Protein backbone atom coordinates (compact mmCIF):
# COMPACT_ATOMS: atom_id res chain seq x y z
CA MET A 1 21.85 -128.46 -42.41
CA SER A 2 22.01 -130.02 -38.96
CA ASP A 3 20.26 -133.23 -37.88
CA GLN A 4 17.97 -131.10 -35.72
CA GLU A 5 16.51 -129.55 -38.90
CA THR A 6 15.70 -132.93 -40.49
CA PHE A 7 12.08 -133.72 -41.30
CA ARG A 8 11.68 -137.50 -40.99
CA VAL A 9 8.89 -139.64 -42.39
CA ILE A 10 8.23 -143.11 -40.97
CA LEU A 11 6.00 -145.40 -43.03
CA ARG A 12 4.66 -148.72 -41.78
CA PHE A 13 3.76 -151.25 -44.48
CA GLU A 14 1.77 -154.36 -43.63
CA ILE A 15 2.58 -156.79 -46.45
CA LYS A 16 0.78 -159.87 -47.76
CA GLU A 17 2.50 -163.07 -46.69
CA GLY A 18 4.63 -164.72 -49.36
CA VAL A 19 5.39 -161.57 -51.39
CA GLU A 20 8.18 -160.17 -49.22
CA ALA A 21 11.00 -160.77 -51.73
CA GLU A 22 8.97 -159.24 -54.58
CA PHE A 23 8.05 -156.25 -52.39
CA GLU A 24 11.71 -155.68 -51.52
CA ARG A 25 12.77 -155.92 -55.18
CA THR A 26 10.05 -153.50 -56.24
CA TRP A 27 10.99 -151.07 -53.48
CA LEU A 28 14.63 -151.19 -54.56
CA ASP A 29 13.70 -150.77 -58.23
CA ILE A 30 11.84 -147.53 -57.50
CA ALA A 31 13.95 -146.23 -54.60
CA ASP A 32 15.63 -143.67 -56.83
CA VAL A 33 12.27 -141.87 -57.17
CA ILE A 34 12.85 -140.69 -53.60
CA THR A 35 16.62 -140.58 -53.34
CA GLY A 36 16.79 -138.71 -56.65
CA HIS A 37 14.71 -135.86 -55.28
CA PRO A 38 16.92 -132.89 -54.33
CA ALA A 39 15.17 -132.44 -50.95
CA ASN A 40 15.66 -136.07 -49.90
CA ARG A 41 18.51 -136.73 -47.46
CA GLY A 42 18.29 -140.55 -47.52
CA GLN A 43 15.92 -143.45 -46.98
CA TRP A 44 15.99 -146.90 -45.42
CA LEU A 45 13.87 -150.05 -45.74
CA LEU A 46 13.58 -152.08 -42.55
CA ARG A 47 11.81 -155.36 -41.92
CA GLY A 48 10.08 -155.91 -38.59
CA THR A 49 11.24 -158.83 -36.46
CA GLN A 50 8.01 -159.55 -34.60
CA PRO A 51 6.23 -162.83 -35.36
CA GLY A 52 3.15 -162.70 -37.56
CA ALA A 53 2.37 -161.11 -40.90
CA PRO A 54 5.31 -159.26 -42.47
CA VAL A 55 5.74 -155.61 -41.54
CA TYR A 56 8.20 -153.21 -43.14
CA PHE A 57 9.16 -149.68 -42.24
CA VAL A 58 10.48 -147.02 -44.56
CA ILE A 59 12.29 -144.10 -43.02
CA SER A 60 13.10 -141.12 -45.18
CA ASP A 61 14.74 -137.84 -44.25
CA TRP A 62 13.93 -134.54 -45.94
CA THR A 63 15.28 -131.00 -45.83
CA SER A 64 11.88 -129.65 -44.73
CA GLU A 65 8.22 -130.52 -44.38
CA PRO A 66 7.14 -128.25 -47.28
CA GLU A 67 9.67 -129.97 -49.59
CA PHE A 68 8.37 -133.40 -48.52
CA ARG A 69 4.73 -132.35 -49.01
CA ALA A 70 5.52 -131.07 -52.50
CA PHE A 71 7.11 -134.44 -53.34
CA GLU A 72 4.15 -136.27 -51.78
CA ARG A 73 1.79 -134.54 -54.24
CA SER A 74 4.02 -135.15 -57.27
CA ASP A 75 3.24 -137.50 -60.16
CA ASP A 76 6.51 -139.37 -59.43
CA HIS A 77 5.35 -140.18 -55.92
CA LEU A 78 1.88 -141.22 -57.03
CA GLU A 79 3.42 -143.63 -59.56
CA HIS A 80 5.70 -144.98 -56.80
CA ARG A 81 2.70 -145.66 -54.55
CA VAL A 82 0.81 -147.47 -57.34
CA LYS A 83 3.69 -149.92 -57.76
CA LEU A 84 3.85 -150.74 -54.03
CA HIS A 85 0.11 -150.85 -53.35
CA PRO A 86 -0.53 -154.44 -54.58
CA PHE A 87 1.75 -155.80 -51.83
CA ARG A 88 0.07 -153.98 -48.96
CA THR A 89 -2.71 -154.99 -46.60
CA GLY A 90 -2.43 -151.87 -44.44
CA GLY A 91 -0.09 -149.34 -42.99
CA SER A 92 0.40 -145.89 -41.56
CA MET A 93 2.56 -142.79 -41.78
CA GLU A 94 4.13 -140.68 -39.06
CA THR A 95 5.96 -137.42 -39.65
CA THR A 96 8.56 -136.17 -37.22
CA THR A 97 11.35 -133.68 -36.75
CA VAL A 98 14.66 -134.73 -35.25
CA VAL A 99 15.00 -133.02 -31.86
CA HIS A 100 18.37 -134.43 -30.74
CA ALA A 101 20.85 -136.75 -32.44
CA PRO A 102 23.78 -137.51 -30.10
CA GLN A 103 26.67 -139.26 -31.86
CA ALA A 104 27.11 -142.87 -30.71
CA ALA A 105 30.63 -143.94 -29.70
CA GLY A 106 30.65 -146.76 -32.28
CA ALA A 107 29.51 -144.50 -35.14
CA SER A 108 33.02 -143.32 -35.94
CA ARG A 109 34.36 -146.86 -36.49
């Protein structure tokens, strides 16, 4: 499967101040719920660098939108969301498809 066929999900988590370390530990503890799914191609947790309340982003790649939607409705995913919900004050989700993915010169190092 090429990068151009990747379905990418971008989540934005607004997190309560002071619980960042616990949020990160919890996310890591349950990360295999996503990475263990056969349609998942990888995921990343990123922390925003802007001043203010903590913001995290989760990026996950999937083989297709239907495969992601099936996972999204699964009991495993619902349990995953319940564990992360206490840390959140807000957030959003964007779904995308990769259109182009040129290889960066430094990527082969």
